[in-house]
Amino acid sequence: MRILAINDVSCVGKCSLTVALPIISACGIECNVLPTAILSTHTGGFTGYTFRDLTDDIPDILTHWKSLGLKFDFIYSGYLGSIAQIELVSNIKKELLAEGGKFVVDPVMGDGGKLYAGFTPEYVAKMRALCAEADYILPNVTEACFLADMPYPLTPANAELAVRKLQAYCPIPIVTGVTENGKVGVYYADGEKVSSYTHNNVEGNFHGAGDVFGAAFVGCLANGKTLQFTVELSSDFASKSIARTAREVEDRRYGLNFEAETFDFLKKLNA
């Protein structure tokens, strides 16, 4: 089993590939990486960070991989900094996903009801097209609203409608971060059914929480777990990591203390 994780590398501040690589590897699955950019830190709460776009490096990397005959059982994409990178990932899926493999897209493009700086309606349209090629998509509430063309925020009352609209693009959408009345939930489609799974909400911003969920989600799927088991265990892992971070970490810019919750997560994965 071989997974390709496509995302940025934030050298400090746990998110993106520095979360995906250890979590997927801990699940007992080979995790290969394709960096889309390298940053000194992530952009949430830090100033003065460095940023290098790696778009021009990707074609040569792919040429080398093709010469080795590489194929991947899962391709898992996250932050893509431009329309050009979205198009590259679409081609990677077509050329390097193994027969019967799965394509998981985390359409990273916004939070708090707004797109990230530099992203446009044209970018949203391209990301929507990429989601149409995926087997699973993992949008947060903001991203789900942009993809489904619905007003922000989603609540439990309209989250099912959002999931149904997203099914027009992808058979299995999983929407994270639906909050109301002190609860936070994941809403997802499983065939004709829309299901949800909730925890107590912890107030505050927790950088990298979606990446912890996404990496665990891919790791569970790659271990052959059912969708319900995968959603619930990944949600538990992210929720417990958030709660521990709220208790123990003074400067939350540096990411979740997911490491301390990994052993319990793996025990349940391998039970």
Protein backbone atom coordinates (compact mmCIF):
# COMPACT_ATOMS: atom_id res chain seq x y z
CA MET A 1 0.00 0.00 0.00
CA ARG A 2 1.45 3.32 -1.10
CA ILE A 3 -0.07 6.78 -0.47
CA LEU A 4 0.92 10.06 -2.11
CA ALA A 5 0.20 13.14 0.02
CA ILE A 6 0.25 16.41 -1.95
CA ASN A 7 0.41 19.50 0.23
CA ASP A 8 2.67 22.31 1.42
CA VAL A 9 5.49 21.96 3.94
CA SER A 10 5.29 24.42 6.82
CA CYS A 11 8.59 23.83 8.57
CA VAL A 12 7.27 25.06 11.94
CA GLY A 13 3.65 24.90 13.04
CA LYS A 14 2.17 21.44 12.67
CA CYS A 15 -0.06 21.23 9.60
CA SER A 16 -0.15 19.92 6.02
CA LEU A 17 2.65 17.45 5.23
CA THR A 18 4.28 17.60 8.67
CA VAL A 19 0.99 16.20 9.99
CA ALA A 20 0.13 13.85 7.13
CA LEU A 21 3.50 12.09 7.00
CA PRO A 22 3.75 11.01 10.67
CA ILE A 23 0.07 10.10 11.08
CA ILE A 24 -0.26 8.07 7.89
CA SER A 25 3.08 6.36 8.54
CA ALA A 26 1.99 5.51 12.09
CA CYS A 27 -1.05 3.82 10.57
CA GLY A 28 1.38 1.36 9.00
CA ILE A 29 1.09 2.78 5.49
CA GLU A 30 3.90 4.04 3.26
CA CYS A 31 3.45 7.79 2.82
CA ASN A 32 5.18 9.52 -0.08
CA VAL A 33 5.02 13.31 -0.39
CA LEU A 34 4.81 15.93 -3.11
CA PRO A 35 5.35 19.44 -1.66
CA THR A 36 3.47 22.26 -3.37
CA ALA A 37 5.31 25.00 -1.44
CA ILE A 38 7.70 25.37 1.46
CA LEU A 39 7.16 27.91 4.22
CA SER A 40 9.20 28.75 7.30
CA THR A 41 5.94 28.62 9.32
CA HIS A 42 2.30 28.31 8.43
CA THR A 43 0.43 31.57 7.83
CA GLY A 44 -2.02 31.44 10.75
CA GLY A 45 -0.91 33.94 13.35
CA PHE A 46 2.72 34.22 12.24
CA THR A 47 4.20 37.22 10.43
CA GLY A 48 7.40 37.52 8.43
CA TYR A 49 7.27 33.93 7.20
CA THR A 50 9.08 32.82 4.06
CA PHE A 51 7.25 31.20 1.15
CA ARG A 52 8.60 29.39 -1.90
CA ASP A 53 6.27 28.11 -4.60
CA LEU A 54 7.38 24.71 -5.92
CA THR A 55 5.14 24.51 -8.99
CA ASP A 56 8.10 24.61 -11.37
CA ASP A 57 9.75 21.65 -9.60
CA ILE A 58 6.77 19.33 -9.83
CA PRO A 59 7.02 18.30 -13.53
CA ASP A 60 10.61 17.04 -13.12
CA ILE A 61 9.63 15.12 -9.98
CA LEU A 62 6.78 13.48 -11.89
CA THR A 63 9.04 12.61 -14.83
CA HIS A 64 11.39 10.80 -12.46
CA TRP A 65 8.54 8.94 -10.77
CA LYS A 66 7.15 7.83 -14.11
CA SER A 67 10.57 6.48 -15.07
CA LEU A 68 10.37 4.31 -11.93
CA GLY A 69 6.91 3.04 -12.84
CA LEU A 70 5.41 4.35 -9.61
CA LYS A 71 1.69 4.07 -8.94
CA PHE A 72 -0.17 5.07 -5.78
CA ASP A 73 -3.06 3.30 -4.07
CA PHE A 74 -4.28 6.58 -2.56
CA ILE A 75 -3.64 10.15 -3.64
CA TYR A 76 -4.49 12.71 -0.96
CA SER A 77 -4.31 16.38 -1.92
CA GLY A 78 -4.46 19.41 0.37
CA TYR A 79 -3.29 23.00 -0.10
CA LEU A 80 -2.84 23.88 -3.77
CA GLY A 81 -1.66 27.45 -4.20
CA SER A 82 -2.84 28.13 -7.74
CA ILE A 83 -5.03 26.98 -10.59
CA ALA A 84 -1.86 25.61 -12.23
CA GLN A 85 -1.32 23.32 -9.24
CA ILE A 86 -4.93 22.12 -9.36
CA GLU A 87 -4.41 21.18 -13.01
CA LEU A 88 -1.16 19.37 -12.13
CA VAL A 89 -2.94 17.34 -9.44
CA SER A 90 -5.69 16.41 -11.87
CA ASN A 91 -3.04 15.05 -14.24
CA ILE A 92 -1.24 13.25 -11.40
CA LYS A 93 -4.49 11.50 -10.53
CA LYS A 94 -4.99 10.39 -14.13
CA GLU A 95 -1.40 9.18 -14.60
CA LEU A 96 -0.26 7.87 -11.22
CA LEU A 97 -3.33 6.56 -9.36
CA ALA A 98 -3.29 2.77 -9.40
CA GLU A 99 -6.20 0.86 -10.88
CA GLY A 100 -8.86 0.71 -8.19
CA GLY A 101 -7.08 3.40 -6.18
CA LYS A 102 -8.81 6.19 -4.30
CA PHE A 103 -8.48 9.96 -4.70
CA VAL A 104 -9.11 12.08 -1.59
CA VAL A 105 -9.31 15.87 -1.92
CA ASP A 106 -9.15 18.30 0.97
CA PRO A 107 -10.21 21.49 -0.88
CA VAL A 108 -8.14 23.86 1.26
CA MET A 109 -9.18 27.38 0.29
CA GLY A 110 -10.85 29.20 3.18
CA ASP A 111 -12.05 29.47 6.76
CA GLY A 112 -14.31 31.70 8.80
CA GLY A 113 -16.59 32.30 5.83
CA LYS A 114 -13.85 33.78 3.63
CA LEU A 115 -11.45 32.53 0.98
CA TYR A 116 -7.76 32.64 1.81
CA ALA A 117 -5.81 35.56 0.36
CA GLY A 118 -5.15 35.22 -3.36
CA PHE A 119 -7.98 32.78 -4.08
CA THR A 120 -10.71 33.85 -6.52
CA PRO A 121 -14.07 32.59 -7.84
CA GLU A 122 -12.11 31.08 -10.76
CA TYR A 123 -10.03 29.11 -8.26
CA VAL A 124 -13.23 27.86 -6.57
CA ALA A 125 -14.57 26.68 -9.93
CA LYS A 126 -11.35 24.78 -10.65
CA MET A 127 -11.36 23.24 -7.19
CA ARG A 128 -14.96 22.19 -7.71
CA ALA A 129 -13.88 20.43 -10.92
CA LEU A 130 -11.08 18.66 -9.04
CA CYS A 131 -13.59 17.55 -6.41
CA ALA A 132 -15.65 16.03 -9.23
CA GLU A 133 -12.72 13.68 -9.90
CA ALA A 134 -12.43 12.60 -6.25
CA ASP A 135 -13.80 9.60 -4.42
CA TYR A 136 -13.90 11.54 -1.14
CA ILE A 137 -13.75 15.26 -0.35
CA LEU A 138 -13.06 16.77 3.09
CA PRO A 139 -14.20 20.43 3.09
CA ASN A 140 -14.62 22.49 6.22
CA VAL A 141 -17.82 24.53 6.57
CA THR A 142 -16.44 27.52 4.66
CA GLU A 143 -15.19 25.39 1.78
CA ALA A 144 -18.44 23.41 1.67
CA CYS A 145 -20.41 26.67 1.38
CA PHE A 146 -18.28 27.87 -1.53
CA LEU A 147 -18.40 24.51 -3.31
CA ALA A 148 -22.15 24.04 -2.79
CA ASP A 149 -22.96 27.73 -3.42
CA MET A 150 -24.69 28.11 -0.05
CA PRO A 151 -24.58 30.93 2.50
CA TYR A 152 -22.16 30.69 5.41
CA PRO A 153 -22.32 29.27 8.03
CA LEU A 154 -23.75 25.79 7.90
CA THR A 155 -25.77 24.58 10.86
CA PRO A 156 -27.17 21.14 11.62
CA ALA A 157 -30.41 22.36 10.01
CA ASN A 158 -28.87 22.86 6.56
CA ALA A 159 -25.73 20.70 6.68
CA GLU A 160 -27.56 17.74 5.16
CA LEU A 161 -28.62 19.91 2.22
CA ALA A 162 -24.99 20.96 1.71
CA VAL A 163 -23.88 17.34 1.69
CA ARG A 164 -26.57 16.49 -0.87
CA LYS A 165 -25.44 19.37 -3.09
CA LEU A 166 -21.81 18.27 -2.82
CA GLN A 167 -22.82 14.77 -3.90
CA ALA A 168 -23.47 16.31 -7.31
CA TYR A 169 -19.67 16.60 -7.58
CA CYS A 170 -18.34 13.77 -5.44
CA PRO A 171 -20.02 10.57 -4.22
CA ILE A 172 -18.73 10.84 -0.64
CA PRO A 173 -18.42 14.37 0.76
CA ILE A 174 -17.39 14.72 4.42
CA VAL A 175 -18.03 18.20 5.86
CA THR A 176 -16.19 19.09 9.07
CA GLY A 177 -16.74 21.81 11.66
CA VAL A 178 -20.54 22.17 11.71
CA THR A 179 -21.15 23.94 15.04
CA GLU A 180 -24.20 24.86 17.08
CA ASN A 181 -25.15 24.91 20.77
CA GLY A 182 -21.74 23.90 22.03
CA LYS A 183 -21.41 20.94 19.67
CA VAL A 184 -19.23 20.43 16.59
CA GLY A 185 -20.05 17.78 14.04
CA VAL A 186 -18.98 16.00 10.89
CA TYR A 187 -21.69 15.46 8.28
CA TYR A 188 -21.10 12.91 5.54
CA ALA A 189 -22.81 10.97 2.79
CA ASP A 190 -22.79 7.20 2.72
CA GLY A 191 -24.81 6.21 -0.33
CA GLU A 192 -28.35 7.55 0.03
CA LYS A 193 -27.88 8.30 3.72
CA VAL A 194 -26.46 11.45 5.33
CA SER A 195 -25.00 10.78 8.76
CA SER A 196 -23.39 12.93 11.44
CA TYR A 197 -21.01 12.49 14.34
CA THR A 198 -20.58 15.15 17.03
CA HIS A 199 -18.38 16.16 19.95
CA ASN A 200 -18.39 18.96 22.49
CA ASN A 201 -16.96 22.06 20.85
CA VAL A 202 -13.79 23.64 22.26
CA GLU A 203 -13.77 27.39 21.62
CA GLY A 204 -10.80 28.94 19.86
CA ASN A 205 -8.66 28.54 16.76
CA PHE A 206 -6.65 25.34 16.49
CA HIS A 207 -4.31 25.35 13.52
CA GLY A 208 -3.91 22.04 11.70
CA ALA A 209 -7.02 20.39 13.13
CA GLY A 210 -8.39 19.65 9.67
CA ASP A 211 -5.06 18.15 8.66
CA VAL A 212 -5.06 15.83 11.68
CA PHE A 213 -8.57 14.69 10.77
CA GLY A 214 -7.68 14.29 7.09
CA ALA A 215 -4.49 12.32 7.66
CA ALA A 216 -6.23 10.00 10.12
CA PHE A 217 -9.12 9.61 7.67
CA VAL A 218 -6.80 8.50 4.88
CA GLY A 219 -4.84 6.22 7.23
CA CYS A 220 -8.02 4.49 8.39
CA LEU A 221 -9.36 4.06 4.86
CA ALA A 222 -6.04 2.61 3.72
CA ASN A 223 -6.38 0.04 6.51
CA GLY A 224 -9.67 -1.12 5.02
CA LYS A 225 -11.96 0.42 7.65
CA THR A 226 -15.58 1.29 6.95
CA LEU A 227 -16.58 4.87 6.28
CA GLN A 228 -18.45 5.15 9.58
CA PHE A 229 -15.52 3.76 11.59
CA THR A 230 -13.13 6.04 9.68
CA VAL A 231 -15.15 9.20 10.27
CA GLU A 232 -15.74 8.45 13.94
CA LEU A 233 -12.18 7.45 14.84
CA SER A 234 -10.66 10.35 12.88
CA SER A 235 -13.08 12.76 14.57
CA ASP A 236 -12.25 11.33 18.00
CA PHE A 237 -8.52 11.70 17.32
CA ALA A 238 -8.85 15.32 16.19
CA SER A 239 -11.24 16.19 19.04
CA LYS A 240 -9.00 14.69 21.71
CA SER A 241 -5.97 16.41 20.20
CA ILE A 242 -7.81 19.75 20.31
CA ALA A 243 -8.90 19.23 23.93
CA ARG A 244 -5.37 18.28 25.01
CA THR A 245 -3.94 21.29 23.20
CA ALA A 246 -6.45 23.60 24.87
CA ARG A 247 -5.35 22.26 28.27
CA GLU A 248 -1.59 22.02 27.74
CA VAL A 249 -0.36 24.28 24.94
CA GLU A 250 0.11 27.97 25.69
CA ASP A 251 0.88 29.17 22.15
CA ARG A 252 -1.58 27.44 19.85
CA ARG A 253 0.03 28.77 16.69
CA TYR A 254 2.40 25.81 16.84
CA GLY A 255 -0.35 23.29 16.18
CA LEU A 256 -2.12 20.43 17.91
CA ASN A 257 -0.44 18.10 20.36
CA PHE A 258 -1.63 15.16 18.28
CA GLU A 259 1.50 13.18 19.13
CA ALA A 260 0.27 12.58 22.69
CA GLU A 261 -3.02 11.16 21.38
CA THR A 262 -1.51 9.00 18.63
CA PHE A 263 -1.01 5.86 20.73
CA ASP A 264 -4.69 5.74 21.78
CA PHE A 265 -5.74 6.38 18.17
CA LEU A 266 -3.58 3.50 16.92
CA LYS A 267 -4.84 1.12 19.61
CA LYS A 268 -8.38 1.70 18.39
CA LEU A 269 -7.37 1.50 14.74
CA ASN A 270 -5.72 -1.88 15.31
CA ALA A 271 -8.16 -3.31 17.83
